[in-house]
Each structure stands twice: as structure tokens, then as C-alpha cells.
C-alpha atoms as a PDB file:
ATOM      1  CA  UNK A   1     241.306 138.479 -29.181  1.00  0.00           C
ATOM      2  CA  UNK A   2     241.201 142.102 -30.322  1.00  0.00           C
ATOM      3  CA  UNK A   3     238.233 141.407 -32.607  1.00  0.00           C
ATOM      4  CA  UNK A   4     234.784 140.413 -31.458  1.00  0.00           C
ATOM      5  CA  UNK A   5     233.966 136.720 -31.851  1.00  0.00           C
ATOM      6  CA  UNK A   6     230.268 135.868 -32.037  1.00  0.00           C
ATOM      7  CA  UNK A   7     228.850 132.342 -32.194  1.00  0.00           C
ATOM      8  CA  UNK A   8     225.214 131.592 -33.077  1.00  0.00           C
ATOM      9  CA  UNK A   9     223.112 128.560 -33.923  1.00  0.00           C
ATOM     10  CA  UNK A  10     221.435 128.100 -37.304  1.00  0.00           C
ATOM     11  CA  UNK A  11     218.388 130.047 -36.111  1.00  0.00           C
ATOM     12  CA  UNK A  12     220.796 133.032 -35.756  1.00  0.00           C
ATOM     13  CA  UNK A  13     220.486 133.035 -31.938  1.00  0.00           C
ATOM     14  CA  UNK A  14     223.749 133.883 -30.173  1.00  0.00           C
ATOM     15  CA  UNK A  15     225.189 131.127 -27.984  1.00  0.00           C
ATOM     16  CA  UNK A  16     228.544 132.712 -27.126  1.00  0.00           C
ATOM     17  CA  UNK A  17     230.554 135.912 -27.464  1.00  0.00           C
ATOM     18  CA  UNK A  18     233.982 136.995 -26.274  1.00  0.00           C
ATOM     19  CA  UNK A  19     234.847 140.050 -24.150  1.00  0.00           C
ATOM     20  CA  UNK A  20     235.906 142.163 -27.148  1.00  0.00           C
ATOM     21  CA  UNK A  21     232.478 141.654 -28.731  1.00  0.00           C
ATOM     22  CA  UNK A  22     230.741 142.670 -25.500  1.00  0.00           C
ATOM     23  CA  UNK A  23     232.826 145.834 -25.170  1.00  0.00           C
ATOM     24  CA  UNK A  24     232.258 146.679 -28.821  1.00  0.00           C
ATOM     25  CA  UNK A  25     228.472 146.666 -28.472  1.00  0.00           C
ATOM     26  CA  UNK A  26     228.222 147.771 -24.842  1.00  0.00           C
ATOM     27  CA  UNK A  27     226.408 144.628 -23.669  1.00  0.00           C
ATOM     28  CA  UNK A  28     227.339 142.018 -21.102  1.00  0.00           C
ATOM     29  CA  UNK A  29     227.767 138.426 -22.276  1.00  0.00           C
ATOM     30  CA  UNK A  30     224.506 137.494 -20.575  1.00  0.00           C
ATOM     31  CA  UNK A  31     222.659 140.245 -22.455  1.00  0.00           C
ATOM     32  CA  UNK A  32     223.950 139.136 -25.862  1.00  0.00           C
ATOM     33  CA  UNK A  33     223.467 135.379 -25.416  1.00  0.00           C
ATOM     34  CA  UNK A  34     219.852 134.686 -26.247  1.00  0.00           C
ATOM     35  CA  UNK A  35     219.544 137.606 -28.665  1.00  0.00           C
ATOM     36  CA  UNK A  36     219.489 136.939 -32.402  1.00  0.00           C
ATOM     37  CA  UNK A  37     221.476 138.536 -35.185  1.00  0.00           C
ATOM     38  CA  UNK A  38     218.219 140.148 -36.302  1.00  0.00           C
ATOM     39  CA  UNK A  39     218.097 142.038 -32.990  1.00  0.00           C
ATOM     40  CA  UNK A  40     221.356 143.827 -33.811  1.00  0.00           C
ATOM     41  CA  UNK A  41     221.160 144.613 -37.533  1.00  0.00           C
ATOM     42  CA  UNK A  42     219.009 147.273 -39.274  1.00  0.00           C
ATOM     43  CA  UNK A  43     215.691 145.988 -40.670  1.00  0.00           C
ATOM     44  CA  UNK A  44     216.809 146.701 -44.227  1.00  0.00           C
ATOM     45  CA  UNK A  45     219.674 144.169 -43.840  1.00  0.00           C
ATOM     46  CA  UNK A  46     217.441 141.182 -42.965  1.00  0.00           C
ATOM     47  CA  UNK A  47     217.064 140.023 -46.575  1.00  0.00           C
ATOM     48  CA  UNK A  48     220.796 140.437 -47.163  1.00  0.00           C
ATOM     49  CA  UNK A  49     221.497 138.253 -44.101  1.00  0.00           C
ATOM     50  CA  UNK A  50     219.304 135.487 -45.561  1.00  0.00           C
ATOM     51  CA  UNK A  51     221.311 135.543 -48.806  1.00  0.00           C
ATOM     52  CA  UNK A  52     224.599 135.333 -46.910  1.00  0.00           C
ATOM     53  CA  UNK A  53     223.310 132.433 -44.787  1.00  0.00           C
ATOM     54  CA  UNK A  54     222.330 130.490 -47.911  1.00  0.00           C
ATOM     55  CA  UNK A  55     225.820 130.919 -49.374  1.00  0.00           C
ATOM     56  CA  UNK A  56     227.482 129.879 -46.091  1.00  0.00           C
ATOM     57  CA  UNK A  57     225.307 126.750 -45.878  1.00  0.00           C
ATOM     58  CA  UNK A  58     226.683 125.914 -49.325  1.00  0.00           C
ATOM     59  CA  UNK A  59     230.191 126.060 -47.848  1.00  0.00           C
ATOM     60  CA  UNK A  60     231.255 129.625 -48.633  1.00  0.00           C
ATOM     61  CA  UNK A  61     232.857 132.054 -46.186  1.00  0.00           C
ATOM     62  CA  UNK A  62     231.431 135.573 -46.240  1.00  0.00           C
ATOM     63  CA  UNK A  63     233.285 138.839 -45.640  1.00  0.00           C
ATOM     64  CA  UNK A  64     231.463 142.144 -45.719  1.00  0.00           C
ATOM     65  CA  UNK A  65     230.638 145.426 -44.007  1.00  0.00           C
ATOM     66  CA  UNK A  66     227.603 145.609 -41.731  1.00  0.00           C
ATOM     67  CA  UNK A  67     225.972 147.887 -39.181  1.00  0.00           C
ATOM     68  CA  UNK A  68     225.404 146.546 -35.664  1.00  0.00           C
ATOM     69  CA  UNK A  69     223.269 148.332 -33.108  1.00  0.00           C
ATOM     70  CA  UNK A  70     224.969 149.042 -29.806  1.00  0.00           C
ATOM     71  CA  UNK A  71     223.125 148.963 -26.493  1.00  0.00           C
ATOM     72  CA  UNK A  72     222.891 152.798 -26.579  1.00  0.00           C
ATOM     73  CA  UNK A  73     221.069 152.596 -29.932  1.00  0.00           C
ATOM     74  CA  UNK A  74     223.953 153.890 -32.061  1.00  0.00           C
ATOM     75  CA  UNK A  75     224.846 151.805 -35.108  1.00  0.00           C
ATOM     76  CA  UNK A  76     228.464 150.737 -35.389  1.00  0.00           C
ATOM     77  CA  UNK A  77     230.183 150.106 -38.741  1.00  0.00           C
ATOM     78  CA  UNK A  78     231.885 146.720 -38.631  1.00  0.00           C
ATOM     79  CA  UNK A  79     233.620 144.276 -40.942  1.00  0.00           C
ATOM     80  CA  UNK A  80     232.397 140.704 -40.470  1.00  0.00           C
ATOM     81  CA  UNK A  81     234.138 137.528 -41.575  1.00  0.00           C
ATOM     82  CA  UNK A  82     231.627 134.707 -41.094  1.00  0.00           C
ATOM     83  CA  UNK A  83     231.246 131.011 -41.861  1.00  0.00           C
ATOM     84  CA  UNK A  84     229.192 128.049 -40.712  1.00  0.00           C
ATOM     85  CA  UNK A  85     231.294 125.447 -38.936  1.00  0.00           C
ATOM     86  CA  UNK A  86     230.960 121.700 -39.637  1.00  0.00           C
ATOM     87  CA  UNK A  87     229.076 121.245 -36.355  1.00  0.00           C
ATOM     88  CA  UNK A  88     226.415 123.716 -37.521  1.00  0.00           C
ATOM     89  CA  UNK A  89     227.508 126.722 -35.509  1.00  0.00           C
ATOM     90  CA  UNK A  90     227.512 130.168 -37.135  1.00  0.00           C
ATOM     91  CA  UNK A  91     230.792 131.922 -36.307  1.00  0.00           C
ATOM     92  CA  UNK A  92     231.629 135.545 -37.037  1.00  0.00           C
ATOM     93  CA  UNK A  93     234.793 137.557 -36.471  1.00  0.00           C
ATOM     94  CA  UNK A  94     233.773 141.220 -36.092  1.00  0.00           C
ATOM     95  CA  UNK A  95     236.095 144.230 -36.410  1.00  0.00           C
ATOM     96  CA  UNK A  96     235.088 147.801 -35.599  1.00  0.00           C
ATOM     97  CA  UNK A  97     235.794 149.935 -38.696  1.00  0.00           C
ATOM     98  CA  UNK A  98     233.723 152.966 -37.649  1.00  0.00           C
ATOM     99  CA  UNK A  99     236.827 155.162 -37.308  1.00  0.00           C
ATOM    100  CA  UNK A 100     238.022 154.177 -40.775  1.00  0.00           C
ATOM    101  CA  UNK A 101     234.588 154.851 -42.247  1.00  0.00           C
ATOM    102  CA  UNK A 102     234.441 158.187 -40.430  1.00  0.00           C
ATOM    103  CA  UNK A 103     237.771 159.262 -41.955  1.00  0.00           C
ATOM    104  CA  UNK A 104     236.682 158.149 -45.423  1.00  0.00           C
ATOM    105  CA  UNK A 105     233.399 160.043 -45.081  1.00  0.00           C
ATOM    106  CA  UNK A 106     235.250 163.133 -43.856  1.00  0.00           C
ATOM    107  CA  UNK A 107     237.632 163.089 -46.814  1.00  0.00           C
ATOM    108  CA  UNK A 108     234.789 162.777 -49.315  1.00  0.00           C
ATOM    109  CA  UNK A 109     232.870 165.572 -47.615  1.00  0.00           C
ATOM    110  CA  UNK A 110     235.901 167.893 -47.446  1.00  0.00           C
ATOM    111  CA  UNK A 111     236.620 167.261 -51.128  1.00  0.00           C
ATOM    112  CA  UNK A 112     233.059 168.330 -51.923  1.00  0.00           C
ATOM    113  CA  UNK A 113     233.432 171.406 -49.688  1.00  0.00           C
ATOM    114  CA  UNK A 114     236.647 172.405 -51.483  1.00  0.00           C
ATOM    115  CA  UNK A 115     234.985 172.005 -54.876  1.00  0.00           C
ATOM    116  CA  UNK A 116     232.058 174.206 -53.842  1.00  0.00           C
ATOM    117  CA  UNK A 117     234.340 176.908 -52.442  1.00  0.00           C
ATOM    118  CA  UNK A 118     236.396 176.950 -55.635  1.00  0.00           C
ATOM    119  CA  UNK A 119     233.305 177.434 -57.804  1.00  0.00           C
ATOM    120  CA  UNK A 120     232.598 181.070 -56.919  1.00  0.00           C
ATOM    121  CA  UNK A 121     234.298 184.241 -55.662  1.00  0.00           C
ATOM    122  CA  UNK A 122     231.083 185.542 -54.134  1.00  0.00           C
ATOM    123  CA  UNK A 123     231.578 184.927 -50.415  1.00  0.00           C
ATOM    124  CA  UNK A 124     227.862 185.002 -49.611  1.00  0.00           C
ATOM    125  CA  UNK A 125     227.140 182.305 -52.187  1.00  0.00           C
ATOM    126  CA  UNK A 126     230.051 180.119 -51.105  1.00  0.00           C
ATOM    127  CA  UNK A 127     229.342 180.339 -47.370  1.00  0.00           C
ATOM    128  CA  UNK A 128     225.668 179.632 -48.013  1.00  0.00           C
ATOM    129  CA  UNK A 129     226.679 176.551 -50.005  1.00  0.00           C
ATOM    130  CA  UNK A 130     228.931 175.376 -47.162  1.00  0.00           C
ATOM    131  CA  UNK A 131     226.073 175.761 -44.673  1.00  0.00           C
ATOM    132  CA  UNK A 132     223.803 173.727 -46.954  1.00  0.00           C
ATOM    133  CA  UNK A 133     226.437 171.003 -47.318  1.00  0.00           C
ATOM    134  CA  UNK A 134     226.947 170.921 -43.544  1.00  0.00           C
ATOM    135  CA  UNK A 135     223.285 170.270 -42.811  1.00  0.00           C
ATOM    136  CA  UNK A 136     223.285 167.447 -45.313  1.00  0.00           C
ATOM    137  CA  UNK A 137     226.237 165.563 -43.828  1.00  0.00           C
ATOM    138  CA  UNK A 138     227.323 166.906 -40.450  1.00  0.00           C
ATOM    139  CA  UNK A 139     224.753 169.072 -38.692  1.00  0.00           C
ATOM    140  CA  UNK A 140     221.019 169.558 -38.297  1.00  0.00           C
ATOM    141  CA  UNK A 141     221.439 173.334 -38.592  1.00  0.00           C
ATOM    142  CA  UNK A 142     224.266 175.699 -39.453  1.00  0.00           C
ATOM    143  CA  UNK A 143     224.780 179.363 -38.551  1.00  0.00           C
ATOM    144  CA  UNK A 144     227.272 181.618 -40.361  1.00  0.00           C
ATOM    145  CA  UNK A 145     228.266 185.032 -38.983  1.00  0.00           C
ATOM    146  CA  UNK A 146     230.716 187.374 -40.740  1.00  0.00           C
ATOM    147  CA  UNK A 147     232.731 190.305 -39.415  1.00  0.00           C
ATOM    148  CA  UNK A 148     231.787 193.614 -41.036  1.00  0.00           C
ATOM    149  CA  UNK A 149     234.223 196.425 -41.850  1.00  0.00           C
ATOM    150  CA  UNK A 150     233.558 198.056 -38.470  1.00  0.00           C
ATOM    151  CA  UNK A 151     234.338 194.872 -36.578  1.00  0.00           C
ATOM    152  CA  UNK A 152     230.718 193.992 -35.795  1.00  0.00           C
ATOM    153  CA  UNK A 153     229.353 190.497 -36.352  1.00  0.00           C
ATOM    154  CA  UNK A 154     226.523 190.177 -38.853  1.00  0.00           C
ATOM    155  CA  UNK A 155     224.436 187.048 -39.307  1.00  0.00           C
ATOM    156  CA  UNK A 156     224.855 185.996 -42.908  1.00  0.00           C
ATOM    157  CA  UNK A 157     222.919 182.739 -43.058  1.00  0.00           C
ATOM    158  CA  UNK A 158     221.043 180.171 -40.969  1.00  0.00           C
ATOM    159  CA  UNK A 159     220.221 176.849 -42.643  1.00  0.00           C
ATOM    160  CA  UNK A 160     218.322 173.825 -41.296  1.00  0.00           C
ATOM    161  CA  UNK A 161     218.115 170.279 -42.575  1.00  0.00           C
ATOM    162  CA  UNK A 162     214.383 170.320 -41.795  1.00  0.00           C
ATOM    163  CA  UNK A 163     212.485 172.373 -44.430  1.00  0.00           C
ATOM    164  CA  UNK A 164     209.667 173.019 -41.936  1.00  0.00           C
ATOM    165  CA  UNK A 165     212.076 175.163 -39.904  1.00  0.00           C
ATOM    166  CA  UNK A 166     212.749 177.618 -42.745  1.00  0.00           C
ATOM    167  CA  UNK A 167     210.701 180.280 -40.923  1.00  0.00           C
ATOM    168  CA  UNK A 168     212.927 179.961 -37.855  1.00  0.00           C
ATOM    169  CA  UNK A 169     216.069 180.222 -39.994  1.00  0.00           C
ATOM    170  CA  UNK A 170     214.725 183.374 -41.655  1.00  0.00           C
ATOM    171  CA  UNK A 171     213.901 185.001 -38.322  1.00  0.00           C
ATOM    172  CA  UNK A 172     217.295 184.132 -36.800  1.00  0.00           C
ATOM    173  CA  UNK A 173     219.037 185.531 -39.892  1.00  0.00           C
ATOM    174  CA  UNK A 174     217.178 188.862 -39.628  1.00  0.00           C
ATOM    175  CA  UNK A 175     217.616 189.263 -35.871  1.00  0.00           C
ATOM    176  CA  UNK A 176     220.577 191.570 -35.083  1.00  0.00           C
ATOM    177  CA  UNK A 177     223.270 190.104 -32.825  1.00  0.00           C
ATOM    178  CA  UNK A 178     223.228 191.710 -29.383  1.00  0.00           C
ATOM    179  CA  UNK A 179     226.881 191.790 -28.299  1.00  0.00           C
ATOM    180  CA  UNK A 180     225.846 192.607 -24.727  1.00  0.00           C
ATOM    181  CA  UNK A 181     224.215 189.176 -24.360  1.00  0.00           C
ATOM    182  CA  UNK A 182     225.657 185.689 -24.514  1.00  0.00           C
ATOM    183  CA  UNK A 183     225.111 184.047 -27.913  1.00  0.00           C
ATOM    184  CA  UNK A 184     226.260 180.977 -29.805  1.00  0.00           C
ATOM    185  CA  UNK A 185     229.162 182.673 -31.581  1.00  0.00           C
ATOM    186  CA  UNK A 186     230.323 184.869 -28.677  1.00  0.00           C
ATOM    187  CA  UNK A 187     233.073 182.675 -27.178  1.00  0.00           C
ATOM    188  CA  UNK A 188     234.523 181.625 -30.542  1.00  0.00           C
ATOM    189  CA  UNK A 189     234.620 185.212 -31.834  1.00  0.00           C
ATOM    190  CA  UNK A 190     236.122 186.596 -28.615  1.00  0.00           C
ATOM    191  CA  UNK A 191     238.805 183.935 -28.066  1.00  0.00           C
ATOM    192  CA  UNK A 192     239.493 182.917 -31.676  1.00  0.00           C
ATOM    193  CA  UNK A 193     239.231 179.276 -30.583  1.00  0.00           C
ATOM    194  CA  UNK A 194     236.842 176.420 -31.286  1.00  0.00           C
ATOM    195  CA  UNK A 195     234.111 175.994 -28.694  1.00  0.00           C
ATOM    196  CA  UNK A 196     232.443 172.614 -28.130  1.00  0.00           C
ATOM    197  CA  UNK A 197     229.070 172.715 -26.400  1.00  0.00           C
ATOM    198  CA  UNK A 198     228.544 168.967 -26.109  1.00  0.00           C
ATOM    199  CA  UNK A 199     225.206 169.290 -24.297  1.00  0.00           C
ATOM    200  CA  UNK A 200     223.004 172.389 -24.511  1.00  0.00           C
ATOM    201  CA  UNK A 201     220.448 172.528 -21.727  1.00  0.00           C
ATOM    202  CA  UNK A 202     217.048 174.286 -21.941  1.00  0.00           C
ATOM    203  CA  UNK A 203     218.417 176.846 -19.460  1.00  0.00           C
ATOM    204  CA  UNK A 204     221.319 177.598 -21.775  1.00  0.00           C
ATOM    205  CA  UNK A 205     218.936 178.073 -24.701  1.00  0.00           C
ATOM    206  CA  UNK A 206     216.911 180.531 -22.588  1.00  0.00           C
ATOM    207  CA  UNK A 207     220.077 182.489 -21.756  1.00  0.00           C
ATOM    208  CA  UNK A 208     220.699 183.071 -25.479  1.00  0.00           C
ATOM    209  CA  UNK A 209     217.218 184.531 -26.091  1.00  0.00           C
ATOM    210  CA  UNK A 210     216.823 188.277 -26.609  1.00  0.00           C
ATOM    211  CA  UNK A 211     213.018 188.192 -26.505  1.00  0.00           C
ATOM    212  CA  UNK A 212     210.093 185.805 -26.139  1.00  0.00           C
ATOM    213  CA  UNK A 213     209.860 185.463 -29.923  1.00  0.00           C
ATOM    214  CA  UNK A 214     213.579 184.731 -30.105  1.00  0.00           C
ATOM    215  CA  UNK A 215     213.214 182.075 -27.384  1.00  0.00           C
ATOM    216  CA  UNK A 216     210.346 180.372 -29.238  1.00  0.00           C
ATOM    217  CA  UNK A 217     212.460 180.351 -32.384  1.00  0.00           C
ATOM    218  CA  UNK A 218     215.487 178.873 -30.623  1.00  0.00           C
ATOM    219  CA  UNK A 219     213.326 176.178 -29.059  1.00  0.00           C
ATOM    220  CA  UNK A 220     211.921 175.355 -32.488  1.00  0.00           C
ATOM    221  CA  UNK A 221     215.478 174.783 -33.730  1.00  0.00           C
ATOM    222  CA  UNK A 222     215.952 172.390 -30.771  1.00  0.00           C
ATOM    223  CA  UNK A 223     219.747 172.737 -30.367  1.00  0.00           C
ATOM    224  CA  UNK A 224     221.119 169.950 -28.160  1.00  0.00           C
ATOM    225  CA  UNK A 225     224.788 170.179 -29.073  1.00  0.00           C
ATOM    226  CA  UNK A 226     226.973 172.654 -30.968  1.00  0.00           C
ATOM    227  CA  UNK A 227     230.448 173.394 -32.242  1.00  0.00           C
ATOM    228  CA  UNK A 228     231.385 177.042 -32.901  1.00  0.00           C
ATOM    229  CA  UNK A 229     234.531 177.564 -34.995  1.00  0.00           C
ATOM    230  CA  UNK A 230     236.131 180.950 -35.797  1.00  0.00           C
ATOM    231  CA  UNK A 231     236.851 181.690 -39.459  1.00  0.00           C
ATOM    232  CA  UNK A 232     240.481 182.841 -39.357  1.00  0.00           C
ATOM    233  CA  UNK A 233     242.738 183.869 -42.239  1.00  0.00           C
ATOM    234  CA  UNK A 234     246.270 185.205 -41.667  1.00  0.00           C
ATOM    235  CA  UNK A 235     245.441 185.627 -37.980  1.00  0.00           C
ATOM    236  CA  UNK A 236     242.416 187.822 -38.691  1.00  0.00           C
ATOM    237  CA  UNK A 237     238.890 186.944 -37.590  1.00  0.00           C
ATOM    238  CA  UNK A 238     236.560 186.938 -40.599  1.00  0.00           C
ATOM    239  CA  UNK A 239     233.538 185.304 -38.979  1.00  0.00           C
ATOM    240  CA  UNK A 240     232.240 182.294 -37.073  1.00  0.00           C
ATOM    241  CA  UNK A 241     230.507 179.146 -38.257  1.00  0.00           C
ATOM    242  CA  UNK A 242     228.313 177.168 -35.841  1.00  0.00           C
ATOM    243  CA  UNK A 243     227.210 173.572 -36.357  1.00  0.00           C
ATOM    244  CA  UNK A 244     224.073 172.649 -34.409  1.00  0.00           C
ATOM    245  CA  UNK A 245     222.786 169.147 -33.737  1.00  0.00           C
ATOM    246  CA  UNK A 246     219.377 168.138 -32.439  1.00  0.00           C
ATOM    247  CA  UNK A 247     219.796 164.432 -33.203  1.00  0.00           C
ATOM    248  CA  UNK A 248     223.095 163.566 -31.476  1.00  0.00           C
ATOM    249  CA  UNK A 249     225.708 164.965 -29.114  1.00  0.00           C
ATOM    250  CA  UNK A 250     228.949 166.258 -30.585  1.00  0.00           C
ATOM    251  CA  UNK A 251     232.184 165.068 -29.028  1.00  0.00           C
ATOM    252  CA  UNK A 252     235.909 165.793 -29.357  1.00  0.00           C
ATOM    253  CA  UNK A 253     236.061 163.468 -32.385  1.00  0.00           C
ATOM    254  CA  UNK A 254     233.811 165.897 -34.311  1.00  0.00           C
ATOM    255  CA  UNK A 255     236.016 168.947 -33.776  1.00  0.00           C
ATOM    256  CA  UNK A 256     238.530 167.938 -36.459  1.00  0.00           C
ATOM    257  CA  UNK A 257     235.946 167.916 -39.248  1.00  0.00           C
ATOM    258  CA  UNK A 258     234.359 171.167 -38.028  1.00  0.00           C
ATOM    259  CA  UNK A 259     237.752 172.903 -38.043  1.00  0.00           C
ATOM    260  CA  UNK A 260     238.682 171.531 -41.464  1.00  0.00           C
ATOM    261  CA  UNK A 261     235.449 172.939 -42.882  1.00  0.00           C
ATOM    262  CA  UNK A 262     236.145 176.289 -41.189  1.00  0.00           C
ATOM    263  CA  UNK A 263     239.710 176.472 -42.559  1.00  0.00           C
ATOM    264  CA  UNK A 264     238.463 176.038 -46.113  1.00  0.00           C
ATOM    265  CA  UNK A 265     235.585 178.456 -45.605  1.00  0.00           C
ATOM    266  CA  UNK A 266     237.899 181.110 -44.121  1.00  0.00           C
ATOM    267  CA  UNK A 267     240.345 180.897 -47.031  1.00  0.00           C
ATOM    268  CA  UNK A 268     237.480 181.172 -49.497  1.00  0.00           C
ATOM    269  CA  UNK A 269     236.058 184.145 -47.620  1.00  0.00           C
ATOM    270  CA  UNK A 270     239.462 185.849 -47.562  1.00  0.00           C
ATOM    271  CA  UNK A 271     239.952 185.280 -51.309  1.00  0.00           C
ATOM    272  CA  UNK A 272     236.454 186.559 -52.039  1.00  0.00           C
ATOM    273  CA  UNK A 273     237.056 189.725 -50.027  1.00  0.00           C
ATOM    274  CA  UNK A 274     240.392 190.326 -51.773  1.00  0.00           C
ATOM    275  CA  UNK A 275     238.664 189.884 -55.120  1.00  0.00           C
ATOM    276  CA  UNK A 276     235.953 192.329 -54.059  1.00  0.00           C
ATOM    277  CA  UNK A 277     238.597 194.842 -52.934  1.00  0.00           C
ATOM    278  CA  UNK A 278     240.321 194.548 -56.324  1.00  0.00           C
ATOM    279  CA  UNK A 279     237.014 195.085 -58.119  1.00  0.00           C
ATOM    280  CA  UNK A 280     236.349 198.186 -56.040  1.00  0.00           C
ATOM    281  CA  UNK A 281     239.872 199.498 -56.711  1.00  0.00           C
ATOM    282  CA  UNK A 282     239.413 199.010 -60.451  1.00  0.00           C
ATOM    283  CA  UNK A 283     236.026 200.757 -60.301  1.00  0.00           C
ATOM    284  CA  UNK A 284     237.559 203.643 -58.317  1.00  0.00           C
ATOM    285  CA  UNK A 285     240.315 203.975 -60.918  1.00  0.00           C
ATOM    286  CA  UNK A 286     237.761 204.003 -63.734  1.00  0.00           C
ATOM    287  CA  UNK A 287     235.712 206.621 -61.887  1.00  0.00           C
ATOM    288  CA  UNK A 288     238.779 208.875 -61.446  1.00  0.00           C
ATOM    289  CA  UNK A 289     239.741 208.473 -65.081  1.00  0.00           C
ATOM    290  CA  UNK A 290     236.193 209.360 -66.088  1.00  0.00           C
ATOM    291  CA  UNK A 291     236.338 212.555 -64.022  1.00  0.00           C
ATOM    292  CA  UNK A 292     239.759 213.464 -65.441  1.00  0.00           C
ATOM    293  CA  UNK A 293     238.579 212.897 -69.006  1.00  0.00           C
ATOM    294  CA  UNK A 294     235.493 214.989 -68.345  1.00  0.00           C
ATOM    295  CA  UNK A 295     237.516 217.809 -66.784  1.00  0.00           C
ATOM    296  CA  UNK A 296     240.039 217.820 -69.628  1.00  0.00           C
ATOM    297  CA  UNK A 297     237.423 217.784 -72.369  1.00  0.00           C
ATOM    298  CA  UNK A 298     236.638 221.527 -72.311  1.00  0.00           C
ATOM    299  CA  UNK A 299     240.263 222.790 -72.149  1.00  0.00           C
ATOM    300  CA  UNK A 300     241.265 220.399 -74.899  1.00  0.00           C
ATOM    301  CA  UNK A 301     238.347 221.628 -76.978  1.00  0.00           C
ATOM    302  CA  UNK A 302     239.517 225.244 -76.611  1.00  0.00           C
ATOM    303  CA  UNK A 303     243.083 224.290 -77.525  1.00  0.00           C
ATOM    304  CA  UNK A 304     241.862 222.377 -80.544  1.00  0.00           C
ATOM    305  CA  UNK A 305     239.794 225.374 -81.697  1.00  0.00           C
ATOM    306  CA  UNK A 306     242.674 227.828 -81.204  1.00  0.00           C
ATOM    307  CA  UNK A 307     245.027 225.511 -83.100  1.00  0.00           C
ATOM    308  CA  UNK A 308     242.567 225.465 -85.979  1.00  0.00           C
ATOM    309  CA  UNK A 309     242.446 229.259 -86.052  1.00  0.00           C
ATOM    310  CA  UNK A 310     246.229 229.461 -86.065  1.00  0.00           C
ATOM    311  CA  UNK A 311     246.406 227.133 -89.025  1.00  0.00           C
ATOM    312  CA  UNK A 312     244.073 229.453 -91.001  1.00  0.00           C
ATOM    313  CA  UNK A 313     246.121 232.600 -90.286  1.00  0.00           C
ATOM    314  CA  UNK A 314     248.291 233.838 -93.208  1.00  0.00           C
ATOM    315  CA  UNK A 315     251.964 232.873 -92.835  1.00  0.00           C
END
């Protein structure tokens, strides 16, 4: 069977499981048999399980979404169709829906990102908002660098999910980027391609440091995995956004969401810069017109005075 099939007694202790169920959770059959359902579900779902059991004892079949803990400690989103058989066994058909849930979560998050980007034409505000959204749903910290007029990278914003790390974010934002040294955004800015650092070692963190204070700050951020994505619009590099994780390791499956965020951020940044250029052009035009009006005021005054004198002369 493609789905996991789990069988338990009325005390919720597993008595059998098929190969698909073992592969799904990363256990062998021997490791699962003897465990209870309570060993695999989050503590907050225990009361819910009791309610479902009561309904199944009354003859109902139950279908619902649950979280099951894999052997590696990661919770898996599953859909469970369960019933209690006439002989008293508790049987559940379990389907892995984590990929479906991931796509649904991504779509909701990207819709929120798009709404935030459409709310302002100030690129600093919008990119800051994106960084704050990222640390709420996708990353433990987010770094945003932008390309200045001279082509140099400038750190615009560093945001952390942990409020106690605000001091580290502030210091990393103020610290100038040393282009002569390796740094988080270097490869993405130089190649124009996404860079996945699935596992950042302590040695790698040390190689990024420009000073002892910088090293202490980086260690406080505790980066264990990162994705650096260039912000590109019409083939031009506008900046780099880096998603940092200290709670899990990023994998290839995370690159799609990171790049979708970057695409929207780059378009917003490009629109904001065009809007700023238009504002500056309008201001420059107004400044020129002001100078012209000022320079014409005196000659026009003389002409007006002379015309008045001519009108008073006898015909």
C-alpha cells in the first residue's frame, strides 16, 4: 500500500504497521510496535485523540489532519482515516500531506508578501517589511543588502525573530561590508545565482568575521543554515536577501520559496527606485523653472516699466 497502515489495541499501543508507515516515520517495524499513539503525537493533541476515540467506539469513522513525530524529531503533517474494527483493533490509514501543506503555506505567505510590497513605494520600508515577514514564517533571521549607485553593496536591514538579538542586528546593519573578505552575500551578488548553504560550520562563521566583535555578533546570531538570493530586475542586480536559520537546516525544497520572495522584492525595489527617479526629475524640473522665473523677473520688470512710460508719452 502507498499509504501507511497502523494497527493498535484499545490502549492505543501499536501492534502492527506496514512498510509504508515505517518509511514515512523513519522507524523500523520493531521500533514502532510497542509504542503508543501518544508517543508520536504532540502533547496538545492528546485531548483531541480522546474525543476521537470516544466517537469511534460509538461506531463512527474519523478523518482528520494530524501531526506525527518522525524518528528524527520532525513533525510530519498527515491525513488519518481511522476506525475501530469489530474485533476491537484500532486501524488507521495514514497519508503524508506535508508537501501539500507546504505549498498551501507558501501560497498564503507569498500572497501576504505581495500585499505588503504593494502597500508602499518606499523601498526601505517595503524591504524591511519583507524581512520581518520572513522571520515570522520562513527564517530565524533575515539580511537585506542593496546595491548603491556606485555599485557597492550596502546593508539595509538585519532582522531576527528573537527580540533579544536586536543588538546584534543593529551592529550587523551598521558594520560596512568588506568586499575583500568572504561574506554571506558575496557569492550571490557575484554570480547572480541563489546560493544554498545547507550547513554552516563554526569555521565558516569565523571566516566571515571582520573583527573579534563581529565574530561575537555572528555567533550570537547562531547561523546554522542559509539561503542567499540575488534581487534581480531586468537582468540588473539590485541587492541580495539572505535567509538564516538557527533552528533547522535548509534544503533544496526551500529554494523555491526563497526565490519567489526575492522575485517580488526585486520588482518592488525596482518600482520604488523608478518612482524615486521620477520624483527627483520632477524636483529638478521645478528647480530649473524656479531659477528661470527668478532670472526673468528683473528683465520683465524693466520691460513692464518702459511699457508704462511709453503709454504716458503724448501721441
